[in-house]
Amino acid sequence: MPLAILALAVSAFGIGTAEFVMMGLLPNVAGDLGTSVPTAGYLVSAYALGVVVGAPLLTALGARLPRKQMLLLLMGLFIVGNFGSALAPGYWTLLAGRFVSGLPHGAFFGVGAVVASRLVAPERRARAVAGMFLGLTVANIVGVPAATALGQHLGWRATFMVVAAVGLLALAALGLLVPRLPEGQQAGVGPELRALREPQVVLGLLTAVFGFAGVFAVYSYLASMMTKVTGYSDSSVTLLLALFGIGMTLGALAVGPLTDRALRPTLYGSLAALTVVLVVFPFMAHDKVTAAVAVVLLGGVGFMTTTPLQVLVMNKARNAPTLASASNHSAFNLANAGGAWLGGAAISAGWGWTSPALVGAVLAVVGLGIAVTAGVLDRRPGAASTVSPVVAEGGPRVRDEVLEHS
């Protein structure tokens, strides 16, 4: 893998830390700004809203820019948002800072995935994309716990200053290590929007919304499940979240080669495995050892859905993949919000603290059904295929049409 992938991974590490660290700092922020914890929780939603809005908007606005320049501008906006959050004098300015911090998230990962896939040989495209996402998983093991501990000891403003500093480091790495891709490959807004309307792209995005919602239906209430059902202490929650991050990292390492070998079977397998893990999760949650294993498995199989979905929408968007790639992250954040809402509704209905896992299993089954339907439709006679010769949907034997690679 070229060093440019490392620069993208460092950027993903900073973005991942910024996204998830607020969850552990809500009591500190609420106490400092004189508001309630539920009200402070909107700071998490503001970031997610920034992702949903910023992914298609910023990608469309920068459709004609060279991709390296686009990455640098997006990381610059990320730095501004986090410095603004650190210096925010009150709740509303912090809310605005979180929204600005989220704006470049989806666009960065969308553009970054396209860049990563074109820095390597065709048979290593999925591994390159997974390598970038590896920074996101490591953020959940190291970045989020460390940044949370820093905020608890030195104040939440120090956390955002450090995150902004990581952004500056990532900006330097992007400038030094990412090559300038040949111009003329960028499609305009029109082709990008038309690619986004491709039926296979739409089905891929719907798969992400429903399939990944199953993960967040559980992850959003993981701390409560582990303390109220399993019997872990509050101080153990950070370790359990780190175990989830370890699972994500293992999934990221495994899914790249699998996706390069057989894209759709990897997607089907990961969604099926996610369904199984979610079904058995309530039974495993009653013992500390099996619960810890379940958390690792959930992180692993959950994250294994991301790379094949990312590569799928890029493939199906043909020669205008950037907007579709970025919109995939809007889909993941809609999954975040929807899964958390449905999981909370199950708890509020009195179904028990582990009920979000069964809700998540239903969502994962819906996602799997959409994915299988898309695969069947794609194999119908006359269906256009944009699968690369190696990142193939049915394995190495599929050689329908070669994507352009720089």
Foldseek 3Di string as FASTA:
>chain_A
DFCLLVLLLLLLLLLLQLLPQLVLCLVQQCVVQVHDSVVSCVLNVLLLVLLLVQLQPLCQVCLQPFLLVSLLVLLVQLLVLLLQLLPPPHDVSNSVSSSSNNNSVLLNLLSQLQLQLQVDPVLQSLLSSLSSCLSSLVSQQPVNVVLSVCCVVVNNSVSSVVSSVSSVVSSVSSVPGRDGDDHPLRDHSVLLVVLCPQPLLVLLLLLLQLQLLLLLLCVVLVLVLLCVQQNDDNVCVSVLSNLLSLLLNVLSNPLSNVLLFALLVQLLVLLVQLLVLLVCQVVLSNHPVSNSVSSSSSSNSSNSNPSSSLVSSQQSSASHRRSSNSNSVSSNSSSNVVSNVVSVVCVVVVVDSSVSSVVSSVSSVVSSVSSVVSVVVCPPPPRDGRDACRSHNGGNVDHRHHGDHD
